[in-house]
Protein backbone atom coordinates (compact mmCIF):
# COMPACT_ATOMS: atom_id res chain seq x y z
CA MET A 1 -0.02 -0.27 0.17
CA GLY A 2 0.97 3.25 -0.63
CA LEU A 3 1.39 6.17 2.36
CA LYS A 4 -0.81 9.11 2.28
CA SER A 5 0.90 12.18 3.45
CA PHE A 6 -1.56 13.28 6.82
CA SER A 7 -1.35 16.50 8.24
CA PHE A 8 -1.75 17.26 12.00
CA ALA A 9 -2.29 20.70 14.38
CA ILE A 10 -1.01 20.23 17.49
CA ALA A 11 -0.27 23.26 19.94
CA GLY A 12 -0.74 25.13 16.55
CA VAL A 13 1.76 23.64 14.82
CA VAL A 14 0.46 22.10 11.08
CA GLY A 15 1.90 19.41 9.57
CA ILE A 16 3.85 17.64 12.37
CA SER A 17 2.71 15.06 14.07
CA PRO A 18 2.53 14.47 17.94
CA ILE A 19 5.62 11.69 17.68
CA ALA A 20 7.94 13.98 15.61
CA MET A 21 7.50 16.87 18.24
CA ALA A 22 9.60 14.71 20.43
CA PHE A 23 12.06 15.81 18.29
CA ASP A 24 14.75 18.52 19.65
CA ALA A 25 18.24 19.35 17.62
CA GLU A 26 19.94 19.55 21.12
CA THR A 27 17.97 16.62 22.98
CA ILE A 28 21.15 13.95 23.17
CA LEU A 29 23.18 11.87 25.96
CA ASP A 30 20.32 11.11 28.25
CA PRO A 31 21.36 8.70 30.75
CA ASP A 32 18.16 7.30 30.16
CA GLY A 33 18.48 6.60 26.57
CA ASN A 34 19.31 8.76 23.71
CA ARG A 35 16.76 7.92 21.31
CA ARG A 36 14.19 11.04 21.16
CA THR A 37 11.26 8.92 19.65
CA ARG A 38 9.70 4.92 19.64
CA ILE A 39 7.60 3.67 16.76
CA THR A 40 6.00 0.72 15.82
CA GLN A 41 5.21 -0.92 12.54
CA GLN A 42 1.34 -0.56 13.42
CA GLN A 43 1.98 3.57 13.70
CA ILE A 44 3.68 3.44 10.29
CA VAL A 45 1.08 1.33 8.47
CA ASN A 46 -1.86 3.39 10.26
CA GLY A 47 -0.48 6.82 8.64
CA GLU A 48 0.12 8.39 11.68
CA LEU A 49 3.39 9.59 10.56
CA THR A 50 4.56 11.24 7.57
CA LEU A 51 6.74 9.68 4.93
CA GLN A 52 9.39 12.83 6.10
CA GLU A 53 8.94 12.24 9.67
CA ILE A 54 9.64 8.28 9.13
CA ARG A 55 12.70 9.05 7.44
CA LEU A 56 13.69 11.55 10.11
CA ILE A 57 13.16 8.90 12.75
CA GLY A 58 15.14 6.57 10.52
CA ARG A 59 17.99 9.27 10.00
CA GLU A 60 18.02 9.24 14.03
CA MET A 61 18.46 5.44 14.34
CA PHE A 62 21.35 5.82 11.90
CA ALA A 63 23.06 8.52 13.53
CA THR A 64 21.98 8.48 17.42
CA PRO A 65 25.32 7.89 19.36
CA PHE A 66 23.34 4.58 21.26
CA ASN A 67 24.16 3.93 25.35
CA LYS A 68 23.73 1.46 27.37
CA ALA A 69 19.97 2.29 28.45
CA ASP A 70 19.04 1.83 24.92
CA GLY A 71 20.61 -1.49 24.73
CA PHE A 72 23.91 -1.20 24.07
CA GLY A 73 26.18 -3.92 24.76
CA GLU A 74 25.95 -7.54 26.00
CA THR A 75 26.34 -9.39 28.96
CA PRO A 76 29.47 -11.39 29.06
CA GLY A 77 29.15 -14.98 28.62
CA ASP A 78 30.59 -17.78 30.89
CA THR A 79 33.50 -19.14 28.89
CA PRO A 80 36.19 -17.95 26.34
CA GLU A 81 34.27 -19.41 23.62
CA THR A 82 31.01 -17.61 24.33
CA ARG A 83 32.91 -14.33 25.09
CA ARG A 84 33.68 -14.60 21.17
CA GLN A 85 30.05 -14.79 20.17
CA ALA A 86 27.54 -11.86 19.28
CA GLY A 87 25.19 -11.64 22.44
CA SER A 88 27.73 -12.62 25.16
CA ARG A 89 30.74 -11.23 24.03
CA GLY A 90 33.36 -9.62 26.36
CA SER A 91 34.80 -6.19 26.11
CA LEU A 92 38.61 -5.46 25.52
CA GLN A 93 40.61 -5.44 28.81
CA GLY A 94 37.76 -5.73 30.60
CA ASN A 95 36.33 -2.09 29.90
CA GLY A 96 33.03 -3.29 30.23
CA THR A 97 31.63 -1.44 26.67
CA PHE A 98 33.84 -2.18 23.61
CA THR A 99 35.33 -4.72 22.18
CA ARG A 100 36.57 -3.47 18.60
CA ILE A 101 38.49 -6.32 17.71
CA ASN A 102 34.98 -8.35 17.15
CA GLY A 103 32.39 -5.73 16.86
CA LEU A 104 30.85 -3.62 19.84
CA ASP A 105 33.19 -1.38 18.29
CA ALA A 106 30.99 1.92 17.60
CA GLN A 107 27.66 3.46 19.06
CA THR A 108 26.09 5.07 15.75
CA CYS A 109 25.71 3.94 11.92
CA ALA A 110 27.16 7.53 10.91
CA GLU A 111 30.86 6.75 12.53
CA CYS A 112 31.25 4.10 9.57
CA HIS A 113 29.05 5.51 6.98
CA ALA A 114 29.82 9.54 7.32
CA ILE A 115 32.39 10.75 4.91
CA GLY A 116 30.90 12.25 1.57
CA SER A 117 34.36 12.95 -0.45
CA SER A 118 37.76 11.86 1.15
CA THR A 119 39.52 13.74 -1.89
CA VAL A 120 39.20 16.90 -0.13
CA VAL A 121 40.92 18.32 2.52
CA PRO A 122 39.51 17.89 5.41
CA PHE A 123 36.98 15.38 4.55
CA LYS A 124 33.68 16.57 3.48
CA PHE A 125 30.93 15.19 6.05
CA VAL A 126 27.42 13.79 4.65
CA ILE A 127 25.37 11.23 6.38
CA GLY A 128 25.46 7.87 4.18
CA GLY A 129 28.92 8.24 2.98
CA HIS A 130 31.73 5.79 3.23
CA GLY A 131 34.14 5.25 6.39
CA SER A 132 37.92 5.47 6.59
CA MET A 133 40.35 3.11 7.93
CA ASN A 134 39.97 4.72 11.50
CA ASN A 135 36.51 3.11 11.23
CA THR A 136 37.37 -0.07 9.69
CA VAL A 137 35.59 -2.96 11.25
CA LEU A 138 37.91 -5.81 12.70
CA GLY A 139 36.25 -9.28 13.18
CA GLY A 140 33.70 -10.97 12.52
CA GLY A 141 32.68 -14.88 13.13
CA GLY A 142 34.08 -14.63 16.75
CA ALA A 143 37.17 -12.69 16.07
CA SER A 144 39.94 -12.90 18.13
CA PHE A 145 44.13 -11.64 18.04
CA VAL A 146 45.79 -14.72 17.29
CA ASN A 147 49.94 -15.82 17.64
CA ALA A 148 51.61 -17.14 14.50
CA ASN A 149 50.53 -20.65 14.67
CA ASP A 150 46.76 -19.34 14.35
CA ASP A 151 45.82 -20.56 17.81
CA PRO A 152 42.65 -18.37 18.82
CA GLY A 153 43.43 -19.26 22.49
CA GLN A 154 46.78 -16.55 22.28
CA ILE A 155 45.10 -13.25 23.16
CA ASN A 156 48.35 -11.84 24.01
CA PRO A 157 50.86 -13.41 21.72
CA PRO A 158 53.97 -15.56 23.30
CA ASP A 159 57.42 -13.97 23.25
CA ASP A 160 58.57 -15.46 19.93
CA PHE A 161 55.64 -14.19 18.42
CA LEU A 162 58.17 -11.82 15.74
CA ALA A 163 59.24 -15.05 14.49
CA ALA A 164 60.96 -14.28 11.07
CA ASP A 165 58.03 -15.55 8.81
CA THR A 166 55.67 -13.32 10.71
CA ILE A 167 57.76 -9.84 11.07
CA GLY A 168 54.99 -7.15 9.46
CA GLN A 169 52.02 -8.78 10.07
CA SER A 170 49.58 -8.21 12.54
CA ASN A 171 47.34 -11.50 12.43
CA ILE A 172 43.30 -11.75 13.42
CA ASN A 173 41.47 -14.83 12.96
CA GLY A 174 38.61 -12.44 11.74
CA ARG A 175 37.60 -9.79 8.55
CA ILE A 176 38.58 -6.38 8.09
CA ILE A 177 35.92 -4.51 6.93
CA ASN A 178 35.69 -1.20 5.07
CA PRO A 179 32.29 0.71 5.18
CA PRO A 180 31.22 1.46 1.88
CA ILE A 181 28.76 4.26 1.29
CA VAL A 182 24.66 3.90 1.57
CA PHE A 183 23.86 6.34 -1.23
CA GLY A 184 21.56 5.03 -4.04
CA SER A 185 20.17 2.46 -1.70
CA GLY A 186 16.73 2.40 -2.94
CA GLY A 187 17.88 2.04 -6.59
CA VAL A 188 20.21 -0.95 -5.83
CA GLU A 189 17.34 -2.80 -3.56
CA LEU A 190 14.99 -2.27 -6.57
CA VAL A 191 17.12 -3.55 -9.04
CA GLY A 192 17.96 -6.50 -7.11
CA ASN A 193 14.27 -7.09 -6.46
CA GLU A 194 13.46 -7.51 -10.19
CA MET A 195 16.33 -9.42 -10.95
CA THR A 196 15.29 -11.83 -8.12
CA GLN A 197 11.76 -11.97 -9.81
CA ASP A 198 13.26 -12.60 -12.80
CA LEU A 199 15.47 -15.31 -12.08
CA GLN A 200 12.56 -17.59 -9.78
CA ALA A 201 10.68 -17.10 -13.03
CA LEU A 202 13.36 -18.51 -15.36
CA ALA A 203 13.79 -21.32 -12.73
CA ALA A 204 9.92 -22.01 -12.54
CA SER A 205 10.02 -22.55 -16.12
CA VAL A 206 12.41 -25.38 -15.78
CA ILE A 207 11.22 -27.03 -12.34
CA GLY A 208 8.98 -30.45 -12.97
CA THR A 209 9.83 -30.25 -16.85
CA PRO A 210 12.39 -33.35 -17.60
CA ASN A 211 15.61 -32.70 -19.20
CA ALA A 212 15.13 -29.03 -19.65
CA THR A 213 17.76 -26.16 -19.51
CA VAL A 214 17.81 -22.47 -19.17
CA ASP A 215 19.70 -19.64 -19.31
CA LEU A 216 19.70 -17.39 -16.07
CA VAL A 217 20.13 -14.03 -17.22
CA THR A 218 18.48 -11.13 -16.22
CA LYS A 219 19.11 -7.72 -17.54
CA ASP A 220 21.97 -8.50 -19.15
CA VAL A 221 24.02 -10.42 -16.07
CA ASN A 222 24.55 -14.01 -16.90
CA PHE A 223 24.04 -16.04 -13.47
CA GLY A 224 24.67 -19.12 -15.75
CA THR A 225 22.57 -21.63 -16.60
CA LEU A 226 19.61 -24.59 -14.71
CA SER A 227 19.32 -27.56 -15.64
CA THR A 228 16.86 -30.57 -14.54
CA ASP A 229 16.82 -34.16 -14.97
CA ALA A 230 14.92 -36.84 -16.27
CA ASP A 231 12.35 -36.58 -13.49
CA GLY A 232 12.49 -32.73 -13.38
CA ALA A 233 14.43 -32.14 -10.82
CA ILE A 234 17.09 -29.93 -10.26
CA VAL A 235 20.60 -31.36 -11.70
CA ASP A 236 22.96 -31.30 -8.70
CA ALA A 237 25.60 -34.48 -10.54
CA ASP A 238 28.23 -34.13 -8.04
CA THR A 239 25.41 -34.29 -5.21
CA ASP A 240 26.96 -31.26 -3.29
CA GLY A 241 23.57 -29.30 -2.89
CA ASN A 242 24.19 -26.81 -4.87
CA ALA A 243 22.48 -26.75 -8.30
CA ASP A 244 24.57 -27.44 -11.48
CA GLY A 245 25.74 -24.38 -13.75
CA VAL A 246 24.68 -21.55 -11.50
CA GLU A 247 27.47 -18.85 -10.69
CA GLY A 248 27.52 -15.66 -8.85
CA ILE A 249 24.42 -16.30 -6.80
CA ASP A 250 22.95 -18.79 -4.14
CA ALA A 251 23.27 -21.91 -5.62
CA VAL A 252 22.10 -24.06 -2.80
CA ILE A 253 19.20 -26.25 -3.88
CA GLY A 254 15.96 -25.51 -1.10
CA SER A 255 17.85 -22.37 0.22
CA LYS A 256 15.47 -19.85 1.26
CA THR A 257 17.88 -17.42 -1.14
CA PHE A 258 18.40 -19.92 -3.70
CA LEU A 259 18.41 -17.77 -7.39
CA VAL A 260 17.99 -14.86 -5.25
CA VAL A 261 19.94 -11.42 -5.52
CA GLN A 262 21.84 -10.55 -2.57
CA PRO A 263 23.06 -6.74 -3.38
CA PHE A 264 24.14 -5.53 0.07
CA GLY A 265 27.04 -6.34 2.06
CA ARG A 266 30.50 -7.07 0.40
CA LYS A 267 30.01 -10.96 0.10
CA GLY A 268 26.64 -10.32 -1.63
CA ASN A 269 24.64 -12.03 1.58
CA ASN A 270 21.69 -9.70 1.98
CA ILE A 271 18.63 -8.79 0.09
CA THR A 272 17.91 -5.23 1.39
CA THR A 273 19.35 -2.48 3.83
CA ARG A 274 16.60 -4.00 6.18
CA THR A 275 18.47 -7.42 6.39
CA PHE A 276 22.03 -5.96 6.80
CA ASP A 277 20.78 -3.39 9.32
CA VAL A 278 19.15 -6.42 11.49
CA ASP A 279 23.03 -8.12 11.46
CA ALA A 280 24.78 -4.63 11.79
CA LEU A 281 22.94 -3.13 14.65
CA ALA A 282 23.78 -6.68 16.77
CA PHE A 283 27.52 -6.66 15.74
CA HIS A 284 28.64 -3.55 16.14
CA HIS A 285 26.25 -1.94 18.87
CA GLY A 286 25.04 -5.00 20.66
CA MET A 287 21.29 -3.61 19.72
CA GLN A 288 19.10 -6.82 19.27
CA SER A 289 16.04 -6.39 17.30
CA VAL A 290 12.46 -7.72 18.27
CA GLU A 291 11.99 -9.10 14.49
CA ALA A 292 15.41 -11.11 14.77
CA ILE A 293 14.67 -12.63 18.42
CA ALA A 294 11.09 -13.53 17.26
CA GLY A 295 12.71 -15.30 13.74
CA LEU A 296 11.33 -12.67 11.38
CA ASN A 297 14.35 -11.50 9.82
CA THR A 298 15.75 -13.54 6.72
CA GLN A 299 18.64 -14.66 8.88
CA GLU A 300 16.56 -16.64 11.45
CA GLN A 301 13.94 -18.00 8.87
CA GLU A 302 14.31 -21.65 8.16
CA ASP A 303 14.33 -22.77 4.64
CA GLY A 304 10.84 -22.90 3.35
CA PHE A 305 9.94 -20.25 5.22
CA VAL A 306 5.98 -18.84 4.81
CA THR A 307 4.80 -15.84 6.40
CA PRO A 308 2.91 -16.41 9.80
CA SER A 309 -0.45 -14.88 9.89
CA ASP A 310 -1.13 -11.53 11.22
CA ASP A 311 -2.11 -12.88 14.88
CA GLU A 312 1.15 -15.22 14.84
CA ILE A 313 3.36 -12.27 13.90
CA THR A 314 1.46 -10.03 16.63
CA THR A 315 1.82 -12.65 19.23
CA LEU A 316 5.93 -13.58 17.87
CA ILE A 317 6.34 -9.63 18.16
CA ALA A 318 5.23 -9.29 21.67
CA ASP A 319 6.69 -12.02 23.27
CA ALA A 320 9.86 -11.01 21.74
CA ALA A 321 9.53 -7.25 22.85
CA THR A 322 9.77 -8.61 26.62
CA ALA A 323 12.93 -10.90 25.70
CA ASP A 324 16.53 -9.88 26.83
CA PRO A 325 18.63 -12.74 25.22
CA ASP A 326 21.93 -10.66 25.58
CA GLY A 327 21.86 -10.35 29.29
CA ASP A 328 21.93 -6.38 29.47
CA GLY A 329 18.87 -5.12 31.43
CA VAL A 330 17.10 -4.08 28.24
CA VAL A 331 14.35 -5.30 26.68
CA ASN A 332 12.50 -4.13 22.75
CA GLU A 333 15.89 -2.73 22.24
CA VAL A 334 15.08 -1.97 18.36
CA THR A 335 11.23 -2.02 17.24
CA VAL A 336 9.93 -3.46 13.93
CA GLY A 337 8.85 0.21 13.34
CA GLU A 338 12.04 1.72 13.98
CA LEU A 339 13.90 -1.09 11.45
CA SER A 340 11.23 0.09 8.63
CA ALA A 341 12.31 3.65 9.24
CA MET A 342 15.84 3.18 8.88
CA ASN A 343 15.17 1.37 5.54
CA ILE A 344 13.11 3.53 4.66
CA TYR A 345 15.68 6.39 5.30
CA ASN A 346 18.39 4.64 3.41
CA ALA A 347 16.07 3.61 0.34
CA LEU A 348 15.63 7.42 0.12
CA LEU A 349 19.15 8.74 0.14
CA GLU A 350 20.27 10.94 -2.52
CA ARG A 351 21.96 8.90 -5.32
CA PRO A 352 25.56 8.74 -6.50
CA ARG A 353 26.09 11.02 -9.51
CA LYS A 354 27.91 10.58 -12.57
CA ARG A 355 29.56 14.00 -14.18
CA LYS A 356 29.68 13.75 -17.85
CA ALA A 357 32.84 12.95 -19.22
CA ARG A 358 34.80 15.18 -21.21
CA GLY A 359 38.26 15.51 -22.92
CA ARG A 360 40.70 12.71 -21.70
CA ALA A 361 38.09 11.21 -19.29
CA ALA A 362 35.72 10.78 -22.22
CA VAL A 363 38.34 8.83 -23.69
CA GLY A 364 38.59 7.18 -20.34
CA GLU A 365 34.84 6.07 -20.54
CA GLN A 366 35.41 4.12 -23.60
CA LEU A 367 38.86 2.57 -22.46
CA PHE A 368 36.87 1.25 -19.30
CA ASN A 369 34.34 -0.31 -21.80
CA ASP A 370 36.83 -1.84 -24.09
CA VAL A 371 39.38 -3.04 -21.56
CA GLY A 372 36.57 -5.22 -20.09
CA CYS A 373 35.92 -3.25 -16.91
CA ALA A 374 32.13 -3.16 -17.61
CA GLU A 375 31.38 -6.39 -17.73
CA CYS A 376 31.22 -6.63 -14.10
CA HIS A 377 30.90 -3.54 -13.57
CA VAL A 378 28.06 -2.72 -15.42
CA PRO A 379 27.66 0.94 -15.89
CA SER A 380 23.43 1.08 -15.86
CA PHE A 381 20.59 -0.48 -15.16
CA GLU A 382 16.72 -0.19 -16.33
CA THR A 383 14.06 -0.61 -14.19
CA ARG A 384 10.32 -1.74 -14.99
CA SER A 385 9.08 0.27 -12.01
CA ARG A 386 9.89 3.49 -10.47
CA THR A 387 8.46 2.59 -7.00
CA LEU A 388 10.27 0.29 -4.51
CA GLY A 389 8.35 -2.27 -2.31
CA VAL A 390 9.32 -2.05 0.96
CA ARG A 391 8.51 -5.18 2.98
CA PHE A 392 7.80 -7.18 6.71
CA PRO A 393 8.50 -9.89 7.19
CA GLU A 394 10.97 -10.18 4.46
CA ILE A 395 10.35 -13.39 2.10
CA PRO A 396 13.65 -13.43 0.16
CA GLN A 397 12.35 -15.18 -3.10
CA ASP A 398 8.85 -13.38 -3.44
CA PRO A 399 9.84 -9.48 -3.42
CA SER A 400 6.49 -8.50 -3.96
CA ALA A 401 5.23 -10.40 -0.37
CA ASN A 402 4.21 -8.32 2.59
CA VAL A 403 4.63 -5.17 0.89
CA TYR A 404 3.61 -2.43 3.77
CA MET A 405 4.28 0.69 1.99
CA THR A 406 5.78 1.63 -2.02
CA LEU A 407 8.51 4.42 -2.40
CA ASN A 408 8.77 6.71 -5.14
CA LEU A 409 12.24 6.98 -6.21
CA ARG A 410 11.98 9.16 -9.06
CA ALA A 411 10.67 11.94 -6.27
CA LYS A 412 12.97 13.83 -4.10
CA PRO A 413 15.42 12.78 -2.41
CA ALA A 414 16.52 9.52 -4.50
CA ARG A 415 15.49 11.37 -7.66
CA PHE A 416 16.43 8.41 -10.04
CA GLN A 417 16.52 9.20 -13.81
CA LYS A 418 13.14 8.20 -15.46
CA VAL A 419 12.55 6.22 -18.60
CA ARG A 420 10.26 7.27 -20.86
CA GLY A 421 6.94 4.94 -20.76
CA GLY A 422 9.05 2.73 -17.76
CA GLY A 423 10.77 2.72 -15.06
CA LEU A 424 13.84 4.31 -13.70
CA ILE A 425 17.69 4.26 -14.46
CA VAL A 426 20.25 3.10 -11.89
CA ARG A 427 23.94 3.74 -12.54
CA PRO A 428 25.83 1.67 -10.02
CA PHE A 429 28.59 0.28 -11.96
CA GLY A 430 28.14 -3.35 -10.72
CA ASP A 431 26.50 -6.39 -11.77
CA PHE A 432 24.96 -7.63 -8.51
CA LYS A 433 26.87 -11.18 -8.71
CA ARG A 434 29.65 -12.87 -6.65
CA HIS A 435 32.98 -13.05 -8.12
CA ASN A 436 36.60 -15.08 -7.05
CA MET A 437 38.81 -12.14 -6.61
CA GLY A 438 42.01 -14.33 -5.98
CA SER A 439 43.71 -15.73 -3.40
CA ASP A 440 45.79 -12.67 -2.33
CA LEU A 441 42.17 -11.01 -1.37
CA ALA A 442 41.07 -13.83 0.27
CA GLU A 443 39.85 -13.41 4.13
CA PHE A 444 41.22 -15.17 6.82
CA ASN A 445 39.18 -18.21 6.18
CA GLY A 446 40.41 -18.74 2.68
CA ASP A 447 37.18 -17.18 1.10
CA ALA A 448 37.79 -14.97 -1.47
CA THR A 449 34.52 -14.46 -3.27
CA PHE A 450 32.99 -11.06 -3.08
CA VAL A 451 29.85 -8.96 -4.85
CA THR A 452 31.44 -7.15 -7.35
CA ALA A 453 31.89 -3.40 -5.91
CA ARG A 454 29.83 -0.41 -7.02
CA LEU A 455 31.71 2.06 -8.39
CA TRP A 456 29.13 5.17 -8.35
CA GLY A 457 30.74 7.43 -5.62
CA VAL A 458 33.92 5.93 -6.49
CA ALA A 459 35.81 9.22 -6.77
CA ASP A 460 35.05 10.27 -3.32
CA SER A 461 35.66 6.96 -1.66
CA ALA A 462 39.31 6.13 -0.68
CA PRO A 463 40.46 3.85 0.47
CA TYR A 464 39.43 1.23 -1.98
CA LEU A 465 38.75 -2.81 -1.59
CA HIS A 466 37.14 -5.04 0.95
CA ASP A 467 39.63 -4.20 3.43
CA GLY A 468 41.04 -0.83 2.30
CA ARG A 469 44.50 -1.71 1.13
CA ALA A 470 43.94 0.27 -2.01
CA LEU A 471 44.96 3.96 -0.93
CA THR A 472 44.65 5.05 -4.58
CA LEU A 473 42.28 4.04 -7.68
CA MET A 474 45.29 2.68 -9.55
CA ASP A 475 46.52 0.62 -6.55
CA ALA A 476 42.69 -0.73 -6.37
CA ILE A 477 42.63 -1.39 -10.24
CA LEU A 478 46.19 -3.61 -10.07
CA ILE A 479 45.69 -5.54 -6.97
CA HIS A 480 42.10 -6.47 -7.28
CA GLY A 481 43.53 -8.04 -11.06
CA ASN A 482 46.77 -9.53 -9.84
CA SER A 483 45.84 -11.69 -7.24
CA PRO A 484 45.88 -15.15 -8.24
CA GLY A 485 42.92 -16.69 -9.30
CA SER A 486 40.86 -13.47 -9.74
CA GLU A 487 37.87 -12.99 -12.34
CA ALA A 488 39.15 -9.71 -12.36
CA ALA A 489 42.56 -10.18 -14.42
CA GLY A 490 41.77 -10.70 -17.87
CA ALA A 491 40.22 -6.73 -17.76
CA VAL A 492 43.43 -5.58 -15.48
CA ASP A 493 45.81 -7.34 -18.11
CA ASN A 494 44.02 -5.33 -20.50
CA PHE A 495 44.79 -2.28 -18.63
CA GLU A 496 48.14 -2.66 -18.00
CA GLY A 497 48.59 -2.90 -21.74
CA LEU A 498 47.26 0.09 -22.08
CA SER A 499 49.81 3.42 -22.37
CA SER A 500 50.05 5.05 -19.24
CA ASP A 501 48.30 7.97 -20.67
CA ASP A 502 45.63 6.12 -21.48
CA GLN A 503 45.68 4.27 -18.16
CA GLN A 504 45.50 7.56 -16.72
CA ALA A 505 42.20 8.45 -18.83
CA VAL A 506 40.58 5.56 -17.28
CA ILE A 507 41.45 7.30 -13.42
CA GLU A 508 40.03 10.78 -15.06
CA PHE A 509 37.03 9.11 -15.79
CA LEU A 510 36.59 7.32 -12.37
CA ASN A 511 36.93 10.50 -10.93
CA THR A 512 33.39 11.83 -12.58
CA LEU A 513 31.90 8.95 -10.12
CA LYS A 514 31.03 11.58 -7.17
CA ASN A 515 28.84 10.98 -4.18
CA PRO A 516 26.01 13.55 -3.44
CA THR A 517 27.64 16.75 -2.09
CA ALA A 518 24.98 16.63 0.67
CA ALA A 519 21.96 14.23 2.19
CA SER A 520 18.49 14.84 3.93
CA ARG A 521 18.38 18.82 3.73
CA ASP A 522 14.97 18.65 3.88
CA LEU A 523 14.81 16.76 7.34
CA ASP A 524 17.05 19.52 8.69
CA LYS A 525 14.42 22.13 7.85
CA LEU A 526 11.84 19.96 9.37
CA LEU A 527 14.02 19.50 12.50
CA ARG A 528 14.33 23.35 12.41
CA ARG A 529 10.57 23.51 12.40
CA ILE A 530 10.28 21.05 15.00
CA GLN A 531 12.73 23.22 17.53
CA ARG A 532 11.11 26.48 16.52
CA ALA A 533 7.55 24.77 17.77
CA ASN A 534 9.32 23.51 20.62
CA ASP A 535 10.68 26.79 21.88
CA SER A 536 7.18 28.73 21.03
């Protein structure tokens, strides 16, 4: 359903709801919790807030420094192993608040997503931007410091740690995560949804049909083929559980995300920013969402998940709102409505811009295509729709299920370019597909598979690559292609075959892919109205 814009008259203020009136730009750092408002999903669905007010609450969730009264943190577990797991992590040197090496590393999302441009001095602050190496996330999967023998029990290295084969290394058995931009998320989500719908339809066209094969191509991106055997079942010749011929996407037969495009997260394992935020809130802040506790987010759903009835959902949410799995004494830490507000705020953030390539940059744009970069860094997609349906609960294989609001991505602030008689043009410079980037870029567990990095905004988003090791665009190009086994090797070989002038032309073209210079200015105006009303 689409959300209508409601008008309210409270204390002589027209157009501001009672909920939004709780905002005051300087009301923060409260020992009873830093959030100024709490909302439910029903308040959103019932139209008790305008779309702008929902976005304002979403930005608050994104940028407010959560404290312990909000639910920040966790009670440490009883054993070394449990203290490495989300929900029962210990704190660094027993400080009682932060862990840093394995999450519990920030109070706000904005701490890692707020640099609009790192190419200006000092850097430009814009909510929704990228992070820096100071904000690079360390860990994941119960990470800890390890010694040269990869012994996870060694937090402090032994005296002989600086052996010859480990000099120059700081070892952790976890991931280093370079925070990306959030701008343009609504367009990414819309393209991903439409791709998923196409792939599910292609699969349905052959499953049950004996000895059939279909090319899994959507929006000119090739995800391989899907074949059936004489009984019409999906072919899995080596019986590893994966469909033969499928590439760059979840191929696990029977998985809830089988042939589902997941464009968010560097591993390509989140269908929406909502799905990503559920885990990120818990990992980085120890903020547990009610829907995760209730088993209603996609991470907790069992394969073959079917949406519960409205009454069942109400019961699950009510029970989860009184639960405290992380033992920090705070319940109802993140409501369904608050996650919806974050999803909506992220989806309507401004999109990155492509400046017109002129002179050598125009030459570089052609060379970018000629050497093969555009095969994975696909410049643009056309959508069928101009609106994005946001949903709860999310069913990965059916993006049309449980839509509670539709968002116009053509309107401000997202303002994607329209296609006459059709949808929108989204220019991510990515293919939403997973690729092997070679052994040099593999993580501690040997996994070298990453979703293609979207290059829009790349001119403003240094450092580069998943762990920030590339400080310049030239470094990023060469490193990701020269890693043994990298699927980018061919394109990078072609790039290295160019003259130095032509290589620089490609860099000049990449420097036309810019972040927005500001975000959500209309929300700042709304805040000023609220503050004036509260002061009157």
